[in-house]
Amino acid sequence: VCDPANAWYLQDPDRSWGGIDYFASMVESYTRAYGPHVLMLGGSMGATACLLFARFAHLSLAFSPQVELRSGQGRFLPEVVLDRFEAYMSTSLAACKGRVVVHVGRRHHFDSRAARKLLS
């Protein structure tokens, strides 16, 4: 799935902040027919999608996901949008019926800290 706005799947085509629902609906429609045979694989913002939509996959492999938006590149986003992003991420990871694997670089301290936060 591609996010043409480069906005962490938060913007929809109408340029409002309904992107998570928009992309979740799209991903669900693509994966529905495959049942437990869905693999999601992504790096950076694509890894963010792997985690946001992990509930639709049997295996999600995320390489350096951008999940810490508040103190990172998304710090300009409205507070309510950041709250929704974090809540949806948490809900999707909890609803995942398969396995989620997150890889980060050993020397990438920001990514490592963000990945540890996902586990809490």
C-alpha atoms as a PDB file:
ATOM      1  CA  VAL A   1       0.000   0.000   0.000  1.00  0.00           C
ATOM      2  CA  CYS A   2       1.393   3.417  -0.898  1.00  0.00           C
ATOM      3  CA  ASP A   3       0.713   6.653   0.936  1.00  0.00           C
ATOM      4  CA  PRO A   4       0.991   9.390  -1.728  1.00  0.00           C
ATOM      5  CA  ALA A   5       0.741  12.119   0.938  1.00  0.00           C
ATOM      6  CA  ASN A   6       3.739  10.700   2.854  1.00  0.00           C
ATOM      7  CA  ALA A   7       1.699  11.232   5.999  1.00  0.00           C
ATOM      8  CA  TRP A   8       2.008   7.853   7.759  1.00  0.00           C
ATOM      9  CA  TYR A   9      -1.337   6.705   6.312  1.00  0.00           C
ATOM     10  CA  LEU A  10      -3.097   9.454   8.245  1.00  0.00           C
ATOM     11  CA  GLN A  11      -4.488  11.497   5.336  1.00  0.00           C
ATOM     12  CA  ASP A  12      -7.212  10.273   3.028  1.00  0.00           C
ATOM     13  CA  PRO A  13      -7.711  11.361  -0.617  1.00  0.00           C
ATOM     14  CA  ASP A  14      -9.892  14.261   0.570  1.00  0.00           C
ATOM     15  CA  ARG A  15      -6.877  15.608   2.509  1.00  0.00           C
ATOM     16  CA  SER A  16      -8.597  15.126   5.828  1.00  0.00           C
ATOM     17  CA  TRP A  17      -7.246  13.038   8.694  1.00  0.00           C
ATOM     18  CA  GLY A  18      -9.362   9.962   7.891  1.00  0.00           C
ATOM     19  CA  GLY A  19      -6.500   8.084   6.275  1.00  0.00           C
ATOM     20  CA  ILE A  20      -6.230   5.224   8.744  1.00  0.00           C
ATOM     21  CA  ASP A  21      -9.818   4.159   8.093  1.00  0.00           C
ATOM     22  CA  TYR A  22      -9.393   4.712   4.347  1.00  0.00           C
ATOM     23  CA  PHE A  23      -6.231   2.598   4.092  1.00  0.00           C
ATOM     24  CA  ALA A  24      -7.470  -0.042   6.560  1.00  0.00           C
ATOM     25  CA  SER A  25     -10.533  -0.588   4.392  1.00  0.00           C
ATOM     26  CA  MET A  26      -8.319  -0.907   1.330  1.00  0.00           C
ATOM     27  CA  VAL A  27      -5.909  -3.356   2.991  1.00  0.00           C
ATOM     28  CA  GLU A  28      -8.760  -5.421   4.400  1.00  0.00           C
ATOM     29  CA  SER A  29     -10.368  -5.734   0.966  1.00  0.00           C
ATOM     30  CA  TYR A  30      -7.045  -6.867  -0.548  1.00  0.00           C
ATOM     31  CA  THR A  31      -6.291  -9.428   2.161  1.00  0.00           C
ATOM     32  CA  ARG A  32      -9.741 -10.864   2.894  1.00  0.00           C
ATOM     33  CA  ALA A  33      -9.563 -13.666   0.309  1.00  0.00           C
ATOM     34  CA  TYR A  34      -6.193 -14.930   1.557  1.00  0.00           C
ATOM     35  CA  GLY A  35      -7.243 -15.820   5.094  1.00  0.00           C
ATOM     36  CA  PRO A  36      -4.220 -16.734   7.236  1.00  0.00           C
ATOM     37  CA  HIS A  37      -1.820 -16.519   4.282  1.00  0.00           C
ATOM     38  CA  VAL A  38      -1.013 -12.809   4.384  1.00  0.00           C
ATOM     39  CA  LEU A  39       2.534 -11.505   4.740  1.00  0.00           C
ATOM     40  CA  MET A  40       3.183  -7.817   5.197  1.00  0.00           C
ATOM     41  CA  LEU A  41       6.699  -6.565   4.590  1.00  0.00           C
ATOM     42  CA  GLY A  42       7.898  -2.991   4.690  1.00  0.00           C
ATOM     43  CA  GLY A  43      10.681  -0.608   5.538  1.00  0.00           C
ATOM     44  CA  SER A  44      10.473   2.858   7.096  1.00  0.00           C
ATOM     45  CA  MET A  45       7.004   4.246   6.331  1.00  0.00           C
ATOM     46  CA  GLY A  46       6.079   0.922   4.714  1.00  0.00           C
ATOM     47  CA  ALA A  47       7.016  -0.724   8.000  1.00  0.00           C
ATOM     48  CA  THR A  48       4.634   1.671   9.696  1.00  0.00           C
ATOM     49  CA  ALA A  49       1.880   0.287   7.448  1.00  0.00           C
ATOM     50  CA  CYS A  50       2.884  -3.274   8.403  1.00  0.00           C
ATOM     51  CA  LEU A  51       2.254  -2.430  12.035  1.00  0.00           C
ATOM     52  CA  LEU A  52      -0.817  -0.227  11.542  1.00  0.00           C
ATOM     53  CA  PHE A  53      -2.507  -2.991   9.558  1.00  0.00           C
ATOM     54  CA  ALA A  54      -0.978  -6.024  11.311  1.00  0.00           C
ATOM     55  CA  ARG A  55      -4.447  -7.212  12.263  1.00  0.00           C
ATOM     56  CA  PHE A  56      -4.963  -8.233   8.620  1.00  0.00           C
ATOM     57  CA  ALA A  57      -1.774 -10.304   8.392  1.00  0.00           C
ATOM     58  CA  HIS A  58      -0.497 -13.636   9.588  1.00  0.00           C
ATOM     59  CA  LEU A  59       3.084 -12.343   9.552  1.00  0.00           C
ATOM     60  CA  SER A  60       4.251  -8.718   9.568  1.00  0.00           C
ATOM     61  CA  LEU A  61       7.932  -7.947   9.042  1.00  0.00           C
ATOM     62  CA  ALA A  62       8.684  -4.300   9.778  1.00  0.00           C
ATOM     63  CA  PHE A  63      12.144  -2.829   9.176  1.00  0.00           C
ATOM     64  CA  SER A  64      12.777   0.468  11.001  1.00  0.00           C
ATOM     65  CA  PRO A  65       9.144   1.531  11.279  1.00  0.00           C
ATOM     66  CA  GLN A  66       8.348   5.178  11.850  1.00  0.00           C
ATOM     67  CA  VAL A  67       6.157   4.853  14.912  1.00  0.00           C
ATOM     68  CA  GLU A  68       7.375   7.599  17.241  1.00  0.00           C
ATOM     69  CA  LEU A  69       5.771  10.541  15.487  1.00  0.00           C
ATOM     70  CA  ARG A  70       5.452  12.883  18.482  1.00  0.00           C
ATOM     71  CA  SER A  71       9.167  13.423  18.915  1.00  0.00           C
ATOM     72  CA  GLY A  72      10.134  12.608  15.350  1.00  0.00           C
ATOM     73  CA  GLN A  73       9.078  13.624  11.888  1.00  0.00           C
ATOM     74  CA  GLY A  74       5.390  13.860  12.780  1.00  0.00           C
ATOM     75  CA  ARG A  75       5.731  16.370  15.590  1.00  0.00           C
ATOM     76  CA  PHE A  76       3.922  18.965  13.431  1.00  0.00           C
ATOM     77  CA  LEU A  77       0.751  16.846  13.288  1.00  0.00           C
ATOM     78  CA  PRO A  78      -2.319  17.806  15.323  1.00  0.00           C
ATOM     79  CA  GLU A  79      -2.428  16.237  18.782  1.00  0.00           C
ATOM     80  CA  VAL A  80      -5.735  14.488  18.098  1.00  0.00           C
ATOM     81  CA  VAL A  81      -4.251  12.851  14.973  1.00  0.00           C
ATOM     82  CA  LEU A  82      -1.212  11.626  16.915  1.00  0.00           C
ATOM     83  CA  ASP A  83      -3.485  10.231  19.639  1.00  0.00           C
ATOM     84  CA  ARG A  84      -5.522   8.368  17.030  1.00  0.00           C
ATOM     85  CA  PHE A  85      -2.389   7.021  15.322  1.00  0.00           C
ATOM     86  CA  GLU A  86      -1.045   5.626  18.599  1.00  0.00           C
ATOM     87  CA  ALA A  87      -4.407   4.140  19.613  1.00  0.00           C
ATOM     88  CA  TYR A  88      -4.919   2.495  16.226  1.00  0.00           C
ATOM     89  CA  MET A  89      -1.362   1.123  16.238  1.00  0.00           C
ATOM     90  CA  SER A  90      -1.896  -0.402  19.668  1.00  0.00           C
ATOM     91  CA  THR A  91      -5.277  -1.877  18.741  1.00  0.00           C
ATOM     92  CA  SER A  92      -3.985  -3.357  15.487  1.00  0.00           C
ATOM     93  CA  LEU A  93      -0.985  -4.985  17.142  1.00  0.00           C
ATOM     94  CA  ALA A  94      -3.181  -6.430  19.894  1.00  0.00           C
ATOM     95  CA  ALA A  95      -5.652  -7.776  17.307  1.00  0.00           C
ATOM     96  CA  CYS A  96      -2.973  -9.444  15.186  1.00  0.00           C
ATOM     97  CA  LYS A  97      -3.592 -13.198  15.147  1.00  0.00           C
ATOM     98  CA  GLY A  98      -0.164 -13.952  13.763  1.00  0.00           C
ATOM     99  CA  ARG A  99       3.370 -12.814  14.381  1.00  0.00           C
ATOM    100  CA  VAL A 100       4.880  -9.332  14.242  1.00  0.00           C
ATOM    101  CA  VAL A 101       8.635  -8.959  13.853  1.00  0.00           C
ATOM    102  CA  VAL A 102      10.278  -5.532  14.105  1.00  0.00           C
ATOM    103  CA  HIS A 103      13.872  -5.016  12.987  1.00  0.00           C
ATOM    104  CA  VAL A 104      15.863  -1.884  13.757  1.00  0.00           C
ATOM    105  CA  GLY A 105      19.501  -1.000  13.349  1.00  0.00           C
ATOM    106  CA  ARG A 106      21.636  -1.597  16.406  1.00  0.00           C
ATOM    107  CA  ARG A 107      23.072   1.917  16.243  1.00  0.00           C
ATOM    108  CA  HIS A 108      19.800   3.634  15.457  1.00  0.00           C
ATOM    109  CA  HIS A 109      18.918   4.682  18.975  1.00  0.00           C
ATOM    110  CA  PHE A 110      15.762   6.593  18.060  1.00  0.00           C
ATOM    111  CA  ASP A 111      14.333   3.584  16.159  1.00  0.00           C
ATOM    112  CA  SER A 112      15.385   1.181  18.920  1.00  0.00           C
ATOM    113  CA  ARG A 113      13.663   3.272  21.583  1.00  0.00           C
ATOM    114  CA  ALA A 114      10.509   3.525  19.458  1.00  0.00           C
ATOM    115  CA  ALA A 115      10.469  -0.257  18.863  1.00  0.00           C
ATOM    116  CA  ARG A 116      10.819  -0.925  22.605  1.00  0.00           C
ATOM    117  CA  LYS A 117       7.892   1.413  23.221  1.00  0.00           C
ATOM    118  CA  LEU A 118       5.752  -0.795  20.947  1.00  0.00           C
ATOM    119  CA  LEU A 119       6.316  -3.687  23.316  1.00  0.00           C
ATOM    120  CA  SER A 120       5.036  -1.801  26.335  1.00  0.00           C
END
